[in-house]
Amino acid sequence: MQIQDPLTATFAALADPTRRAMLARLTRGPATVNELAEPFALTLPTVSRHLKVLEQAGLISKQRSAQSRPCTLEIAPLAEADAWMAQYREFFATRFDRLDTQLKAMMAARAEAVSTSTGDQ
């Protein structure tokens, strides 16, 4: 088995829509395996494999409770992924701001050209 760095493991776990939906459910609080499996047409072994990926990535932890083992969301790996993506958000925000400025200038020039051409007639 290949060992992955934590950020790679986080993104690999988030790559699957079923796992993302499970994490979304856990934002409302702890849930059992059965509760997490409920919205999906999946076997419990398949759900368990998804949960194992999430647990190995550190995105969930399983608590020990009397008869059940509820899963809980762990936010640290998500915070690390968010921090990594922050640099790209800044990059794109700057590019979008420049694009917005350029489009406004082009629209103003076009409006002025239309105004000038209709005013000459």
PDB file of N, CA and C in Angstrom:
ATOM      1  N   MET A   1       0.822  -1.172   0.000  1.00  0.00           N
ATOM      2  CA  MET A   1       0.000   0.000   0.000  1.00  0.00           C
ATOM      3  C   MET A   1       0.878   1.251   0.000  1.00  0.00           C
ATOM      4  N   GLN A   2       0.573   2.189  -0.858  1.00  0.00           N
ATOM      5  CA  GLN A   2       1.351   3.417  -0.975  1.00  0.00           C
ATOM      6  C   GLN A   2       0.944   4.394   0.125  1.00  0.00           C
ATOM      7  N   ILE A   3       1.938   4.968   0.779  1.00  0.00           N
ATOM      8  CA  ILE A   3       1.666   5.941   1.835  1.00  0.00           C
ATOM      9  C   ILE A   3       1.502   7.308   1.184  1.00  0.00           C
ATOM     10  N   GLN A   4       0.411   7.990   1.545  1.00  0.00           N
ATOM     11  CA  GLN A   4       0.123   9.300   0.978  1.00  0.00           C
ATOM     12  C   GLN A   4       0.342  10.367   2.030  1.00  0.00           C
ATOM     13  N   ASP A   5       0.723  11.562   1.557  1.00  0.00           N
ATOM     14  CA  ASP A   5       0.786  12.675   2.490  1.00  0.00           C
ATOM     15  C   ASP A   5      -0.647  13.043   2.873  1.00  0.00           C
ATOM     16  N   PRO A   6      -0.842  13.716   3.992  1.00  0.00           N
ATOM     17  CA  PRO A   6      -2.202  14.001   4.472  1.00  0.00           C
ATOM     18  C   PRO A   6      -3.060  14.781   3.478  1.00  0.00           C
ATOM     19  N   LEU A   7      -2.485  15.742   2.781  1.00  0.00           N
ATOM     20  CA  LEU A   7      -3.274  16.544   1.840  1.00  0.00           C
ATOM     21  C   LEU A   7      -3.759  15.686   0.671  1.00  0.00           C
ATOM     22  N   THR A   8      -2.910  14.805   0.176  1.00  0.00           N
ATOM     23  CA  THR A   8      -3.295  13.900  -0.904  1.00  0.00           C
ATOM     24  C   THR A   8      -4.399  12.955  -0.435  1.00  0.00           C
ATOM     25  N   ALA A   9      -4.270  12.445   0.775  1.00  0.00           N
ATOM     26  CA  ALA A   9      -5.297  11.550   1.318  1.00  0.00           C
ATOM     27  C   ALA A   9      -6.628  12.281   1.463  1.00  0.00           C
ATOM     28  N   THR A  10      -6.580  13.542   1.893  1.00  0.00           N
ATOM     29  CA  THR A  10      -7.809  14.329   2.035  1.00  0.00           C
ATOM     30  C   THR A  10      -8.488  14.503   0.690  1.00  0.00           C
ATOM     31  N   PHE A  11      -7.734  14.949  -0.314  1.00  0.00           N
ATOM     32  CA  PHE A  11      -8.334  15.169  -1.627  1.00  0.00           C
ATOM     33  C   PHE A  11      -8.802  13.864  -2.268  1.00  0.00           C
ATOM     34  N   ALA A  12      -8.077  12.780  -2.049  1.00  0.00           N
ATOM     35  CA  ALA A  12      -8.503  11.480  -2.586  1.00  0.00           C
ATOM     36  C   ALA A  12      -9.826  11.058  -1.941  1.00  0.00           C
ATOM     37  N   ALA A  13      -9.960  11.274  -0.652  1.00  0.00           N
ATOM     38  CA  ALA A  13     -11.205  10.918   0.033  1.00  0.00           C
ATOM     39  C   ALA A  13     -12.351  11.801  -0.452  1.00  0.00           C
ATOM     40  N   LEU A  14     -12.069  13.079  -0.684  1.00  0.00           N
ATOM     41  CA  LEU A  14     -13.105  14.014  -1.135  1.00  0.00           C
ATOM     42  C   LEU A  14     -13.479  13.824  -2.604  1.00  0.00           C
ATOM     43  N   ALA A  15     -12.710  13.035  -3.330  1.00  0.00           N
ATOM     44  CA  ALA A  15     -12.960  12.846  -4.760  1.00  0.00           C
ATOM     45  C   ALA A  15     -14.249  12.074  -5.033  1.00  0.00           C
ATOM     46  N   ASP A  16     -14.739  11.360  -4.051  1.00  0.00           N
ATOM     47  CA  ASP A  16     -15.939  10.537  -4.252  1.00  0.00           C
ATOM     48  C   ASP A  16     -17.182  11.253  -3.725  1.00  0.00           C
ATOM     49  N   PRO A  17     -18.232  11.365  -4.547  1.00  0.00           N
ATOM     50  CA  PRO A  17     -19.440  12.085  -4.113  1.00  0.00           C
ATOM     51  C   PRO A  17     -20.161  11.424  -2.935  1.00  0.00           C
ATOM     52  N   THR A  18     -20.074  10.107  -2.815  1.00  0.00           N
ATOM     53  CA  THR A  18     -20.702   9.432  -1.678  1.00  0.00           C
ATOM     54  C   THR A  18     -20.019   9.845  -0.385  1.00  0.00           C
ATOM     55  N   ARG A  19     -18.693   9.888  -0.405  1.00  0.00           N
ATOM     56  CA  ARG A  19     -17.953  10.282   0.794  1.00  0.00           C
ATOM     57  C   ARG A  19     -18.216  11.755   1.131  1.00  0.00           C
ATOM     58  N   ARG A  20     -18.310  12.600   0.101  1.00  0.00           N
ATOM     59  CA  ARG A  20     -18.625  14.019   0.359  1.00  0.00           C
ATOM     60  C   ARG A  20     -20.013  14.143   0.996  1.00  0.00           C
ATOM     61  N   ALA A  21     -20.963  13.348   0.530  1.00  0.00           N
ATOM     62  CA  ALA A  21     -22.314  13.379   1.105  1.00  0.00           C
ATOM     63  C   ALA A  21     -22.291  12.894   2.560  1.00  0.00           C
ATOM     64  N   MET A  22     -21.486  11.896   2.839  1.00  0.00           N
ATOM     65  CA  MET A  22     -21.370  11.418   4.213  1.00  0.00           C
ATOM     66  C   MET A  22     -20.789  12.501   5.121  1.00  0.00           C
ATOM     67  N   LEU A  23     -19.778  13.196   4.630  1.00  0.00           N
ATOM     68  CA  LEU A  23     -19.195  14.294   5.414  1.00  0.00           C
ATOM     69  C   LEU A  23     -20.216  15.406   5.627  1.00  0.00           C
ATOM     70  N   ALA A  24     -20.987  15.698   4.583  1.00  0.00           N
ATOM     71  CA  ALA A  24     -22.025  16.725   4.711  1.00  0.00           C
ATOM     72  C   ALA A  24     -23.014  16.332   5.801  1.00  0.00           C
ATOM     73  N   ARG A  25     -23.385  15.064   5.852  1.00  0.00           N
ATOM     74  CA  ARG A  25     -24.301  14.593   6.895  1.00  0.00           C
ATOM     75  C   ARG A  25     -23.677  14.780   8.267  1.00  0.00           C
ATOM     76  N   LEU A  26     -22.377  14.520   8.386  1.00  0.00           N
ATOM     77  CA  LEU A  26     -21.708  14.615   9.681  1.00  0.00           C
ATOM     78  C   LEU A  26     -21.550  16.056  10.168  1.00  0.00           C
ATOM     79  N   THR A  27     -21.770  17.031   9.300  1.00  0.00           N
ATOM     80  CA  THR A  27     -21.724  18.426   9.761  1.00  0.00           C
ATOM     81  C   THR A  27     -22.889  18.706  10.709  1.00  0.00           C
ATOM     82  N   ARG A  28     -23.926  17.870  10.673  1.00  0.00           N
ATOM     83  CA  ARG A  28     -25.085  18.043  11.555  1.00  0.00           C
ATOM     84  C   ARG A  28     -24.891  17.328  12.888  1.00  0.00           C
ATOM     85  N   GLY A  29     -23.800  16.578  13.010  1.00  0.00           N
ATOM     86  CA  GLY A  29     -23.525  15.864  14.251  1.00  0.00           C
ATOM     87  C   GLY A  29     -23.163  14.422  13.992  1.00  0.00           C
ATOM     88  N   PRO A  30     -22.746  13.709  15.036  1.00  0.00           N
ATOM     89  CA  PRO A  30     -22.346  12.308  14.884  1.00  0.00           C
ATOM     90  C   PRO A  30     -23.466  11.457  14.301  1.00  0.00           C
ATOM     91  N   ALA A  31     -23.081  10.390  13.618  1.00  0.00           N
ATOM     92  CA  ALA A  31     -24.043   9.465  13.016  1.00  0.00           C
ATOM     93  C   ALA A  31     -23.461   8.064  13.026  1.00  0.00           C
ATOM     94  N   THR A  32     -24.352   7.090  13.128  1.00  0.00           N
ATOM     95  CA  THR A  32     -23.927   5.689  13.072  1.00  0.00           C
ATOM     96  C   THR A  32     -23.711   5.290  11.610  1.00  0.00           C
ATOM     97  N   VAL A  33     -23.108   4.150  11.422  1.00  0.00           N
ATOM     98  CA  VAL A  33     -22.903   3.622  10.075  1.00  0.00           C
ATOM     99  C   VAL A  33     -24.240   3.464   9.367  1.00  0.00           C
ATOM    100  N   ASN A  34     -25.236   2.932  10.064  1.00  0.00           N
ATOM    101  CA  ASN A  34     -26.561   2.750   9.460  1.00  0.00           C
ATOM    102  C   ASN A  34     -27.176   4.085   9.058  1.00  0.00           C
ATOM    103  N   GLU A  35     -27.021   5.102   9.884  1.00  0.00           N
ATOM    104  CA  GLU A  35     -27.559   6.424   9.551  1.00  0.00           C
ATOM    105  C   GLU A  35     -26.850   7.005   8.327  1.00  0.00           C
ATOM    106  N   LEU A  36     -25.552   6.778   8.238  1.00  0.00           N
ATOM    107  CA  LEU A  36     -24.803   7.276   7.086  1.00  0.00           C
ATOM    108  C   LEU A  36     -25.142   6.490   5.822  1.00  0.00           C
ATOM    109  N   ALA A  37     -25.477   5.222   5.978  1.00  0.00           N
ATOM    110  CA  ALA A  37     -25.798   4.368   4.830  1.00  0.00           C
ATOM    111  C   ALA A  37     -27.198   4.616   4.297  1.00  0.00           C
ATOM    112  N   GLU A  38     -28.084   5.111   5.153  1.00  0.00           N
ATOM    113  CA  GLU A  38     -29.514   5.220   4.828  1.00  0.00           C
ATOM    114  C   GLU A  38     -29.832   5.862   3.473  1.00  0.00           C
ATOM    115  N   PRO A  39     -29.235   7.003   3.105  1.00  0.00           N
ATOM    116  CA  PRO A  39     -29.639   7.629   1.840  1.00  0.00           C
ATOM    117  C   PRO A  39     -29.096   6.943   0.575  1.00  0.00           C
ATOM    118  N   PHE A  40     -28.260   5.941   0.747  1.00  0.00           N
ATOM    119  CA  PHE A  40     -27.593   5.322  -0.404  1.00  0.00           C
ATOM    120  C   PHE A  40     -28.085   3.903  -0.646  1.00  0.00           C
ATOM    121  N   ALA A  41     -28.103   3.522  -1.895  1.00  0.00           N
ATOM    122  CA  ALA A  41     -28.437   2.152  -2.268  1.00  0.00           C
ATOM    123  C   ALA A  41     -27.139   1.336  -2.311  1.00  0.00           C
ATOM    124  N   LEU A  42     -26.482   1.267  -1.155  1.00  0.00           N
ATOM    125  CA  LEU A  42     -25.201   0.574  -1.054  1.00  0.00           C
ATOM    126  C   LEU A  42     -25.286  -0.492   0.026  1.00  0.00           C
ATOM    127  N   THR A  43     -24.483  -1.524  -0.113  1.00  0.00           N
ATOM    128  CA  THR A  43     -24.406  -2.537   0.933  1.00  0.00           C
ATOM    129  C   THR A  43     -23.618  -1.959   2.114  1.00  0.00           C
ATOM    130  N   LEU A  44     -23.828  -2.517   3.280  1.00  0.00           N
ATOM    131  CA  LEU A  44     -23.079  -2.045   4.452  1.00  0.00           C
ATOM    132  C   LEU A  44     -21.569  -2.235   4.288  1.00  0.00           C
ATOM    133  N   PRO A  45     -21.100  -3.338   3.666  1.00  0.00           N
ATOM    134  CA  PRO A  45     -19.652  -3.451   3.443  1.00  0.00           C
ATOM    135  C   PRO A  45     -19.107  -2.322   2.552  1.00  0.00           C
ATOM    136  N   THR A  46     -19.887  -1.904   1.558  1.00  0.00           N
ATOM    137  CA  THR A  46     -19.448  -0.804   0.694  1.00  0.00           C
ATOM    138  C   THR A  46     -19.405   0.492   1.488  1.00  0.00           C
ATOM    139  N   VAL A  47     -20.411   0.733   2.302  1.00  0.00           N
ATOM    140  CA  VAL A  47     -20.426   1.926   3.157  1.00  0.00           C
ATOM    141  C   VAL A  47     -19.224   1.884   4.101  1.00  0.00           C
ATOM    142  N   SER A  48     -18.948   0.731   4.658  1.00  0.00           N
ATOM    143  CA  SER A  48     -17.800   0.594   5.562  1.00  0.00           C
ATOM    144  C   SER A  48     -16.486   0.906   4.860  1.00  0.00           C
ATOM    145  N   ARG A  49     -16.357   0.516   3.599  1.00  0.00           N
ATOM    146  CA  ARG A  49     -15.134   0.833   2.842  1.00  0.00           C
ATOM    147  C   ARG A  49     -15.014   2.350   2.657  1.00  0.00           C
ATOM    148  N   HIS A  50     -16.130   3.008   2.349  1.00  0.00           N
ATOM    149  CA  HIS A  50     -16.093   4.470   2.229  1.00  0.00           C
ATOM    150  C   HIS A  50     -15.674   5.106   3.553  1.00  0.00           C
ATOM    151  N   LEU A  51     -16.226   4.617   4.637  1.00  0.00           N
ATOM    152  CA  LEU A  51     -15.895   5.169   5.948  1.00  0.00           C
ATOM    153  C   LEU A  51     -14.437   4.913   6.302  1.00  0.00           C
ATOM    154  N   LYS A  52     -13.915   3.781   5.877  1.00  0.00           N
ATOM    155  CA  LYS A  52     -12.508   3.471   6.143  1.00  0.00           C
ATOM    156  C   LYS A  52     -11.603   4.480   5.421  1.00  0.00           C
ATOM    157  N   VAL A  53     -11.944   4.831   4.189  1.00  0.00           N
ATOM    158  CA  VAL A  53     -11.164   5.829   3.450  1.00  0.00           C
ATOM    159  C   VAL A  53     -11.210   7.169   4.189  1.00  0.00           C
ATOM    160  N   LEU A  54     -12.400   7.562   4.624  1.00  0.00           N
ATOM    161  CA  LEU A  54     -12.547   8.823   5.358  1.00  0.00           C
ATOM    162  C   LEU A  54     -11.767   8.795   6.669  1.00  0.00           C
ATOM    163  N   GLU A  55     -11.795   7.661   7.341  1.00  0.00           N
ATOM    164  CA  GLU A  55     -11.082   7.531   8.610  1.00  0.00           C
ATOM    165  C   GLU A  55      -9.567   7.543   8.391  1.00  0.00           C
ATOM    166  N   GLN A  56      -9.089   6.862   7.360  1.00  0.00           N
ATOM    167  CA  GLN A  56      -7.654   6.845   7.078  1.00  0.00           C
ATOM    168  C   GLN A  56      -7.139   8.229   6.692  1.00  0.00           C
ATOM    169  N   ALA A  57      -8.009   9.035   6.075  1.00  0.00           N
ATOM    170  CA  ALA A  57      -7.628  10.406   5.716  1.00  0.00           C
ATOM    171  C   ALA A  57      -7.735  11.347   6.917  1.00  0.00           C
ATOM    172  N   GLY A  58      -8.255  10.844   8.023  1.00  0.00           N
ATOM    173  CA  GLY A  58      -8.395  11.661   9.219  1.00  0.00           C
ATOM    174  C   GLY A  58      -9.615  12.567   9.202  1.00  0.00           C
ATOM    175  N   LEU A  59     -10.516  12.347   8.228  1.00  0.00           N
ATOM    176  CA  LEU A  59     -11.696  13.201   8.092  1.00  0.00           C
ATOM    177  C   LEU A  59     -12.822  12.822   9.049  1.00  0.00           C
ATOM    178  N   ILE A  60     -12.798  11.585   9.537  1.00  0.00           N
ATOM    179  CA  ILE A  60     -13.781  11.165  10.535  1.00  0.00           C
ATOM    180  C   ILE A  60     -13.068  10.371  11.613  1.00  0.00           C
ATOM    181  N   SER A  61     -13.710  10.289  12.751  1.00  0.00           N
ATOM    182  CA  SER A  61     -13.258   9.376  13.800  1.00  0.00           C
ATOM    183  C   SER A  61     -14.477   8.607  14.269  1.00  0.00           C
ATOM    184  N   LYS A  62     -14.223   7.417  14.784  1.00  0.00           N
ATOM    185  CA  LYS A  62     -15.310   6.592  15.311  1.00  0.00           C
ATOM    186  C   LYS A  62     -15.195   6.579  16.822  1.00  0.00           C
ATOM    187  N   GLN A  63     -16.284   6.948  17.468  1.00  0.00           N
ATOM    188  CA  GLN A  63     -16.359   6.961  18.925  1.00  0.00           C
ATOM    189  C   GLN A  63     -16.771   5.571  19.413  1.00  0.00           C
ATOM    190  N   ARG A  64     -16.434   5.271  20.612  1.00  0.00           N
ATOM    191  CA  ARG A  64     -16.908   4.011  21.207  1.00  0.00           C
ATOM    192  C   ARG A  64     -18.039   4.365  22.167  1.00  0.00           C
ATOM    193  N   SER A  65     -19.222   3.898  21.815  1.00  0.00           N
ATOM    194  CA  SER A  65     -20.403   4.109  22.651  1.00  0.00           C
ATOM    195  C   SER A  65     -20.962   2.741  22.962  1.00  0.00           C
ATOM    196  N   ALA A  66     -21.768   2.633  23.979  1.00  0.00           N
ATOM    197  CA  ALA A  66     -22.279   1.349  24.473  1.00  0.00           C
ATOM    198  C   ALA A  66     -22.444   0.284  23.384  1.00  0.00           C
ATOM    199  N   GLN A  67     -23.451   0.425  22.537  1.00  0.00           N
ATOM    200  CA  GLN A  67     -23.717  -0.589  21.521  1.00  0.00           C
ATOM    201  C   GLN A  67     -23.286  -0.158  20.113  1.00  0.00           C
ATOM    202  N   SER A  68     -23.042   1.141  19.914  1.00  0.00           N
ATOM    203  CA  SER A  68     -22.741   1.605  18.558  1.00  0.00           C
ATOM    204  C   SER A  68     -21.409   2.331  18.526  1.00  0.00           C
ATOM    205  N   ARG A  69     -20.976   2.641  17.330  1.00  0.00           N
ATOM    206  CA  ARG A  69     -19.734   3.386  17.135  1.00  0.00           C
ATOM    207  C   ARG A  69     -20.042   4.575  16.226  1.00  0.00           C
ATOM    208  N   PRO A  70     -20.597   5.642  16.779  1.00  0.00           N
ATOM    209  CA  PRO A  70     -20.935   6.791  15.929  1.00  0.00           C
ATOM    210  C   PRO A  70     -19.691   7.432  15.320  1.00  0.00           C
ATOM    211  N   CYS A  71     -19.859   7.904  14.104  1.00  0.00           N
ATOM    212  CA  CYS A  71     -18.789   8.599  13.389  1.00  0.00           C
ATOM    213  C   CYS A  71     -18.922  10.097  13.628  1.00  0.00           C
ATOM    214  N   THR A  72     -17.791  10.764  13.743  1.00  0.00           N
ATOM    215  CA  THR A  72     -17.752  12.200  13.976  1.00  0.00           C
ATOM    216  C   THR A  72     -16.835  12.840  12.945  1.00  0.00           C
ATOM    217  N   LEU A  73     -17.220  14.005  12.482  1.00  0.00           N
ATOM    218  CA  LEU A  73     -16.417  14.760  11.525  1.00  0.00           C
ATOM    219  C   LEU A  73     -15.195  15.336  12.217  1.00  0.00           C
ATOM    220  N   GLU A  74     -14.052  15.227  11.578  1.00  0.00           N
ATOM    221  CA  GLU A  74     -12.807  15.833  12.060  1.00  0.00           C
ATOM    222  C   GLU A  74     -12.442  16.947  11.090  1.00  0.00           C
ATOM    223  N   ILE A  75     -12.339  18.172  11.582  1.00  0.00           N
ATOM    224  CA  ILE A  75     -12.172  19.306  10.669  1.00  0.00           C
ATOM    225  C   ILE A  75     -10.725  19.655  10.338  1.00  0.00           C
ATOM    226  N   ALA A  76      -9.756  19.161  11.089  1.00  0.00           N
ATOM    227  CA  ALA A  76      -8.362  19.541  10.849  1.00  0.00           C
ATOM    228  C   ALA A  76      -7.902  19.288   9.412  1.00  0.00           C
ATOM    229  N   PRO A  77      -8.167  18.099   8.833  1.00  0.00           N
ATOM    230  CA  PRO A  77      -7.726  17.893   7.443  1.00  0.00           C
ATOM    231  C   PRO A  77      -8.422  18.839   6.458  1.00  0.00           C
ATOM    232  N   LEU A  78      -9.680  19.169   6.725  1.00  0.00           N
ATOM    233  CA  LEU A  78     -10.392  20.107   5.857  1.00  0.00           C
ATOM    234  C   LEU A  78      -9.801  21.513   5.986  1.00  0.00           C
ATOM    235  N   ALA A  79      -9.402  21.879   7.200  1.00  0.00           N
ATOM    236  CA  ALA A  79      -8.770  23.185   7.415  1.00  0.00           C
ATOM    237  C   ALA A  79      -7.434  23.254   6.683  1.00  0.00           C
ATOM    238  N   GLU A  80      -6.680  22.153   6.687  1.00  0.00           N
ATOM    239  CA  GLU A  80      -5.403  22.117   5.968  1.00  0.00           C
ATOM    240  C   GLU A  80      -5.631  22.241   4.459  1.00  0.00           C
ATOM    241  N   ALA A  81      -6.639  21.566   3.935  1.00  0.00           N
ATOM    242  CA  ALA A  81      -6.955  21.661   2.507  1.00  0.00           C
ATOM    243  C   ALA A  81      -7.399  23.072   2.167  1.00  0.00           C
ATOM    244  N   ASP A  82      -8.193  23.679   3.039  1.00  0.00           N
ATOM    245  CA  ASP A  82      -8.645  25.046   2.822  1.00  0.00           C
ATOM    246  C   ASP A  82      -7.465  26.018   2.807  1.00  0.00           C
ATOM    247  N   ALA A  83      -6.522  25.834   3.715  1.00  0.00           N
ATOM    248  CA  ALA A  83      -5.334  26.694   3.758  1.00  0.00           C
ATOM    249  C   ALA A  83      -4.522  26.549   2.468  1.00  0.00           C
ATOM    250  N   TRP A  84      -4.399  25.333   1.974  1.00  0.00           N
ATOM    251  CA  TRP A  84      -3.653  25.102   0.741  1.00  0.00           C
ATOM    252  C   TRP A  84      -4.358  25.786  -0.438  1.00  0.00           C
ATOM    253  N   MET A  85      -5.685  25.709  -0.457  1.00  0.00           N
ATOM    254  CA  MET A  85      -6.450  26.304  -1.559  1.00  0.00           C
ATOM    255  C   MET A  85      -6.521  27.826  -1.471  1.00  0.00           C
ATOM    256  N   ALA A  86      -6.253  28.394  -0.310  1.00  0.00           N
ATOM    257  CA  ALA A  86      -6.374  29.852  -0.123  1.00  0.00           C
ATOM    258  C   ALA A  86      -5.512  30.614  -1.118  1.00  0.00           C
ATOM    259  N   GLN A  87      -4.309  30.124  -1.380  1.00  0.00           N
ATOM    260  CA  GLN A  87      -3.427  30.814  -2.321  1.00  0.00           C
ATOM    261  C   GLN A  87      -4.040  30.857  -3.724  1.00  0.00           C
ATOM    262  N   TYR A  88      -4.763  29.830  -4.080  1.00  0.00           N
ATOM    263  CA  TYR A  88      -5.397  29.792  -5.396  1.00  0.00           C
ATOM    264  C   TYR A  88      -6.644  30.674  -5.436  1.00  0.00           C
ATOM    265  N   ARG A  89      -7.352  30.759  -4.315  1.00  0.00           N
ATOM    266  CA  ARG A  89      -8.491  31.675  -4.251  1.00  0.00           C
ATOM    267  C   ARG A  89      -8.030  33.102  -4.481  1.00  0.00           C
ATOM    268  N   GLU A  90      -6.912  33.496  -3.835  1.00  0.00           N
ATOM    269  CA  GLU A  90      -6.362  34.845  -4.023  1.00  0.00           C
ATOM    270  C   GLU A  90      -5.979  35.066  -5.482  1.00  0.00           C
ATOM    271  N   PHE A  91      -5.328  34.089  -6.073  1.00  0.00           N
ATOM    272  CA  PHE A  91      -4.900  34.187  -7.467  1.00  0.00           C
ATOM    273  C   PHE A  91      -6.098  34.406  -8.385  1.00  0.00           C
ATOM    274  N   PHE A  92      -7.129  33.582  -8.223  1.00  0.00           N
ATOM    275  CA  PHE A  92      -8.300  33.701  -9.090  1.00  0.00           C
ATOM    276  C   PHE A  92      -9.108  34.950  -8.795  1.00  0.00           C
ATOM    277  N   ALA A  93      -9.183  35.340  -7.537  1.00  0.00           N
ATOM    278  CA  ALA A  93      -9.910  36.564  -7.196  1.00  0.00           C
ATOM    279  C   ALA A  93      -9.266  37.755  -7.893  1.00  0.00           C
ATOM    280  N   THR A  94      -7.947  37.813  -7.894  1.00  0.00           N
ATOM    281  CA  THR A  94      -7.230  38.902  -8.571  1.00  0.00           C
ATOM    282  C   THR A  94      -7.495  38.860 -10.065  1.00  0.00           C
ATOM    283  N   ARG A  95      -7.448  37.682 -10.641  1.00  0.00           N
ATOM    284  CA  ARG A  95      -7.697  37.555 -12.085  1.00  0.00           C
ATOM    285  C   ARG A  95      -9.139  37.941 -12.424  1.00  0.00           C
ATOM    286  N   PHE A  96     -10.085  37.526 -11.612  1.00  0.00           N
ATOM    287  CA  PHE A  96     -11.486  37.872 -11.877  1.00  0.00           C
ATOM    288  C   PHE A  96     -11.725  39.365 -11.712  1.00  0.00           C
ATOM    289  N   ASP A  97     -11.048  39.977 -10.734  1.00  0.00           N
ATOM    290  CA  ASP A  97     -11.172  41.433 -10.573  1.00  0.00           C
ATOM    291  C   ASP A  97     -10.645  42.155 -11.812  1.00  0.00           C
ATOM    292  N   ARG A  98      -9.514  41.696 -12.335  1.00  0.00           N
ATOM    293  CA  ARG A  98      -8.958  42.316 -13.553  1.00  0.00           C
ATOM    294  C   ARG A  98      -9.884  42.092 -14.735  1.00  0.00           C
ATOM    295  N   LEU A  99     -10.451  40.899 -14.855  1.00  0.00           N
ATOM    296  CA  LEU A  99     -11.381  40.603 -15.932  1.00  0.00           C
ATOM    297  C   LEU A  99     -12.611  41.499 -15.827  1.00  0.00           C
ATOM    298  N   ASP A 100     -13.125  41.674 -14.614  1.00  0.00           N
ATOM    299  CA  ASP A 100     -14.284  42.535 -14.396  1.00  0.00           C
ATOM    300  C   ASP A 100     -13.980  43.967 -14.831  1.00  0.00           C
ATOM    301  N   THR A 101     -12.811  44.462 -14.469  1.00  0.00           N
ATOM    302  CA  THR A 101     -12.407  45.813 -14.863  1.00  0.00           C
ATOM    303  C   THR A 101     -12.328  45.925 -16.378  1.00  0.00           C
ATOM    304  N   GLN A 102     -11.744  44.931 -17.012  1.00  0.00           N
ATOM    305  CA  GLN A 102     -11.601  44.933 -18.472  1.00  0.00           C
ATOM    306  C   GLN A 102     -12.968  44.890 -19.150  1.00  0.00           C
ATOM    307  N   LEU A 103     -13.860  44.034 -18.669  1.00  0.00           N
ATOM    308  CA  LEU A 103     -15.200  43.940 -19.267  1.00  0.00           C
ATOM    309  C   LEU A 103     -15.982  45.244 -19.106  1.00  0.00           C
ATOM    310  N   LYS A 104     -15.870  45.881 -17.959  1.00  0.00           N
ATOM    311  CA  LYS A 104     -16.549  47.170 -17.751  1.00  0.00           C
ATOM    312  C   LYS A 104     -16.011  48.226 -18.710  1.00  0.00           C
ATOM    313  N   ALA A 105     -14.709  48.239 -18.913  1.00  0.00           N
ATOM    314  CA  ALA A 105     -14.103  49.198 -19.843  1.00  0.00           C
ATOM    315  C   ALA A 105     -14.577  48.928 -21.270  1.00  0.00           C
ATOM    316  N   MET A 106     -14.648  47.653 -21.645  1.00  0.00           N
ATOM    317  CA  MET A 106     -15.103  47.296 -22.991  1.00  0.00           C
ATOM    318  C   MET A 106     -16.577  47.672 -23.184  1.00  0.00           C
ATOM    319  N   MET A 107     -17.400  47.434 -22.165  1.00  0.00           N
ATOM    320  CA  MET A 107     -18.819  47.768 -22.268  1.00  0.00           C
ATOM    321  C   MET A 107     -19.018  49.282 -22.337  1.00  0.00           C
ATOM    322  N   ALA A 108     -18.224  50.034 -21.583  1.00  0.00           N
ATOM    323  CA  ALA A 108     -18.321  51.498 -21.624  1.00  0.00           C
ATOM    324  C   ALA A 108     -17.908  52.015 -22.993  1.00  0.00           C
ATOM    325  N   ALA A 109     -16.845  51.452 -23.554  1.00  0.00           N
ATOM    326  CA  ALA A 109     -16.393  51.869 -24.881  1.00  0.00           C
ATOM    327  C   ALA A 109     -17.438  51.531 -25.934  1.00  0.00           C
ATOM    328  N   ARG A 110     -18.043  50.382 -25.814  1.00  0.00           N
ATOM    329  CA  ARG A 110     -19.079  49.968 -26.770  1.00  0.00           C
ATOM    330  C   ARG A 110     -20.304  50.886 -26.658  1.00  0.00           C
ATOM    331  N   ALA A 111     -20.716  51.189 -25.417  1.00  0.00           N
ATOM    332  CA  ALA A 111     -21.861  52.078 -25.210  1.00  0.00           C
ATOM    333  C   ALA A 111     -21.573  53.459 -25.786  1.00  0.00           C
ATOM    334  N   GLU A 112     -20.340  53.922 -25.608  1.00  0.00           N
ATOM    335  CA  GLU A 112     -19.972  55.225 -26.144  1.00  0.00           C
ATOM    336  C   GLU A 112     -19.974  55.210 -27.676  1.00  0.00           C
ATOM    337  N   ALA A 113     -19.495  54.107 -28.263  1.00  0.00           N
ATOM    338  CA  ALA A 113     -19.492  53.986 -29.720  1.00  0.00           C
ATOM    339  C   ALA A 113     -20.907  53.953 -30.271  1.00  0.00           C
ATOM    340  N   VAL A 114     -21.800  53.231 -29.589  1.00  0.00           N
ATOM    341  CA  VAL A 114     -23.198  53.170 -30.029  1.00  0.00           C
ATOM    342  C   VAL A 114     -23.846  54.561 -29.885  1.00  0.00           C
ATOM    343  N   SER A 115     -23.566  55.219 -28.784  1.00  0.00           N
ATOM    344  CA  SER A 115     -24.127  56.557 -28.529  1.00  0.00           C
ATOM    345  C   SER A 115     -23.639  57.547 -29.584  1.00  0.00           C
ATOM    346  N   THR A 116     -22.367  57.477 -29.930  1.00  0.00           N
ATOM    347  CA  THR A 116     -21.793  58.387 -30.916  1.00  0.00           C
ATOM    348  C   THR A 116     -22.377  58.113 -32.298  1.00  0.00           C
ATOM    349  N   SER A 117     -22.522  56.809 -32.652  1.00  0.00           N
ATOM    350  CA  SER A 117     -23.024  56.462 -33.978  1.00  0.00           C
ATOM    351  C   SER A 117     -24.509  56.806 -34.132  1.00  0.00           C
ATOM    352  N   THR A 118     -25.294  56.679 -33.071  1.00  0.00           N
ATOM    353  CA  THR A 118     -26.718  57.022 -33.158  1.00  0.00           C
ATOM    354  C   THR A 118     -26.918  58.536 -33.087  1.00  0.00           C
ATOM    355  N   GLY A 119     -25.990  59.217 -32.466  1.00  0.00           N
ATOM    356  CA  GLY A 119     -26.085  60.666 -32.381  1.00  0.00           C
ATOM    357  C   GLY A 119     -25.722  61.349 -33.693  1.00  0.00           C
ATOM    358  N   ASP A 120     -24.977  60.694 -34.562  1.00  0.00           N
ATOM    359  CA  ASP A 120     -24.568  61.271 -35.843  1.00  0.00           C
ATOM    360  C   ASP A 120     -25.667  61.222 -36.874  1.00  0.00           C
ATOM    361  N   GLN A 121     -26.677  60.387 -36.658  1.00  0.00           N
ATOM    362  CA  GLN A 121     -27.720  60.216 -37.676  1.00  0.00           C
ATOM    363  C   GLN A 121     -28.771  61.243 -37.603  1.00  0.00           C
TER     364      GLN A 121
END
